[in-house]
């Protein structure tokens, strides 16, 4: 099991016939914390998700923040 935040590309998700990101994760059995909608990027971010990488569809991507690389 992996643990990280997940980013869902809403446009691609809808093209694949899914319309509710929270329901998508619940149907896949992915446990998660809070969510953030980023309308400008047409994405949803779900925090603290527990999942199996091989179960993720192509429009759901893991996000890992690397603070060392960000801050230099």
C-alpha atoms as a PDB file:
ATOM      1  CA  UNK A   1       0.000   0.000   0.000  1.00  0.00           C
ATOM      2  CA  UNK A   2       1.200   3.490  -0.878  1.00  0.00           C
ATOM      3  CA  UNK A   3       0.395   6.672   0.996  1.00  0.00           C
ATOM      4  CA  UNK A   4       0.498  10.110  -0.603  1.00  0.00           C
ATOM      5  CA  UNK A   5      -1.798  12.775  -1.955  1.00  0.00           C
ATOM      6  CA  UNK A   6      -3.599  12.073  -5.224  1.00  0.00           C
ATOM      7  CA  UNK A   7      -4.350  14.524  -8.027  1.00  0.00           C
ATOM      8  CA  UNK A   8      -7.337  13.789 -10.266  1.00  0.00           C
ATOM      9  CA  UNK A   9      -7.494  15.348 -13.733  1.00  0.00           C
ATOM     10  CA  UNK A  10     -11.216  16.190 -13.913  1.00  0.00           C
ATOM     11  CA  UNK A  11     -11.324  16.642 -17.693  1.00  0.00           C
ATOM     12  CA  UNK A  12      -9.769  13.249 -18.356  1.00  0.00           C
ATOM     13  CA  UNK A  13     -11.918  11.651 -15.644  1.00  0.00           C
ATOM     14  CA  UNK A  14     -15.087  12.890 -17.331  1.00  0.00           C
ATOM     15  CA  UNK A  15     -13.832  11.705 -20.724  1.00  0.00           C
ATOM     16  CA  UNK A  16     -13.592   8.228 -19.174  1.00  0.00           C
ATOM     17  CA  UNK A  17     -17.228   8.384 -18.010  1.00  0.00           C
ATOM     18  CA  UNK A  18     -16.699   9.282 -14.348  1.00  0.00           C
ATOM     19  CA  UNK A  19     -18.235  12.460 -12.953  1.00  0.00           C
ATOM     20  CA  UNK A  20     -17.680  12.489  -9.169  1.00  0.00           C
ATOM     21  CA  UNK A  21     -14.102  12.226  -7.938  1.00  0.00           C
ATOM     22  CA  UNK A  22     -15.041  11.445  -4.327  1.00  0.00           C
ATOM     23  CA  UNK A  23     -17.360   8.625  -5.443  1.00  0.00           C
ATOM     24  CA  UNK A  24     -14.620   7.327  -7.761  1.00  0.00           C
ATOM     25  CA  UNK A  25     -12.134   6.984  -4.895  1.00  0.00           C
ATOM     26  CA  UNK A  26     -14.718   5.437  -2.582  1.00  0.00           C
ATOM     27  CA  UNK A  27     -15.704   2.887  -5.260  1.00  0.00           C
ATOM     28  CA  UNK A  28     -12.030   1.981  -5.660  1.00  0.00           C
ATOM     29  CA  UNK A  29     -11.679   1.516  -1.880  1.00  0.00           C
ATOM     30  CA  UNK A  30      -9.173   4.358  -1.517  1.00  0.00           C
ATOM     31  CA  UNK A  31      -9.110   5.898   1.937  1.00  0.00           C
ATOM     32  CA  UNK A  32      -8.397   9.616   1.966  1.00  0.00           C
ATOM     33  CA  UNK A  33      -8.434  12.749   4.061  1.00  0.00           C
ATOM     34  CA  UNK A  34      -9.596  16.175   3.035  1.00  0.00           C
ATOM     35  CA  UNK A  35      -9.960  17.293  -0.563  1.00  0.00           C
ATOM     36  CA  UNK A  36      -9.113  20.495  -2.401  1.00  0.00           C
ATOM     37  CA  UNK A  37     -10.668  21.561  -5.700  1.00  0.00           C
ATOM     38  CA  UNK A  38      -8.352  23.523  -7.959  1.00  0.00           C
ATOM     39  CA  UNK A  39     -10.770  24.894 -10.546  1.00  0.00           C
ATOM     40  CA  UNK A  40      -8.112  26.860 -12.434  1.00  0.00           C
ATOM     41  CA  UNK A  41      -6.215  23.598 -13.072  1.00  0.00           C
ATOM     42  CA  UNK A  42      -9.376  21.498 -13.499  1.00  0.00           C
ATOM     43  CA  UNK A  43      -8.165  19.103 -10.814  1.00  0.00           C
ATOM     44  CA  UNK A  44      -9.097  17.744  -7.414  1.00  0.00           C
ATOM     45  CA  UNK A  45      -6.455  16.930  -4.809  1.00  0.00           C
ATOM     46  CA  UNK A  46      -7.182  14.341  -2.124  1.00  0.00           C
ATOM     47  CA  UNK A  47      -4.860  14.372   0.866  1.00  0.00           C
ATOM     48  CA  UNK A  48      -3.382  11.436   2.789  1.00  0.00           C
ATOM     49  CA  UNK A  49      -4.641   8.691   0.467  1.00  0.00           C
ATOM     50  CA  UNK A  50      -3.925   5.017   1.014  1.00  0.00           C
ATOM     51  CA  UNK A  51      -3.977   3.075  -2.252  1.00  0.00           C
ATOM     52  CA  UNK A  52      -2.301   0.533  -4.489  1.00  0.00           C
ATOM     53  CA  UNK A  53      -0.483   2.190  -7.389  1.00  0.00           C
ATOM     54  CA  UNK A  54      -1.565  -0.462  -9.895  1.00  0.00           C
ATOM     55  CA  UNK A  55      -5.250   0.232  -9.104  1.00  0.00           C
ATOM     56  CA  UNK A  56      -5.109   3.901 -10.137  1.00  0.00           C
ATOM     57  CA  UNK A  57      -6.660   4.894 -13.471  1.00  0.00           C
ATOM     58  CA  UNK A  58      -4.554   7.004 -15.857  1.00  0.00           C
ATOM     59  CA  UNK A  59      -6.201  10.268 -14.738  1.00  0.00           C
ATOM     60  CA  UNK A  60      -5.325   9.792 -11.045  1.00  0.00           C
ATOM     61  CA  UNK A  61      -1.695  10.595 -10.231  1.00  0.00           C
ATOM     62  CA  UNK A  62       0.247  10.386  -6.957  1.00  0.00           C
ATOM     63  CA  UNK A  63       1.709  13.661  -5.711  1.00  0.00           C
ATOM     64  CA  UNK A  64       4.738  13.813  -3.474  1.00  0.00           C
ATOM     65  CA  UNK A  65       5.986  17.197  -2.355  1.00  0.00           C
ATOM     66  CA  UNK A  66       9.757  17.382  -2.244  1.00  0.00           C
ATOM     67  CA  UNK A  67      10.474  20.324   0.074  1.00  0.00           C
ATOM     68  CA  UNK A  68      14.261  20.129  -0.407  1.00  0.00           C
ATOM     69  CA  UNK A  69      13.974  20.540  -4.158  1.00  0.00           C
ATOM     70  CA  UNK A  70      11.294  23.233  -3.768  1.00  0.00           C
ATOM     71  CA  UNK A  71      13.211  25.350  -1.250  1.00  0.00           C
ATOM     72  CA  UNK A  72      16.643  24.640  -2.758  1.00  0.00           C
END
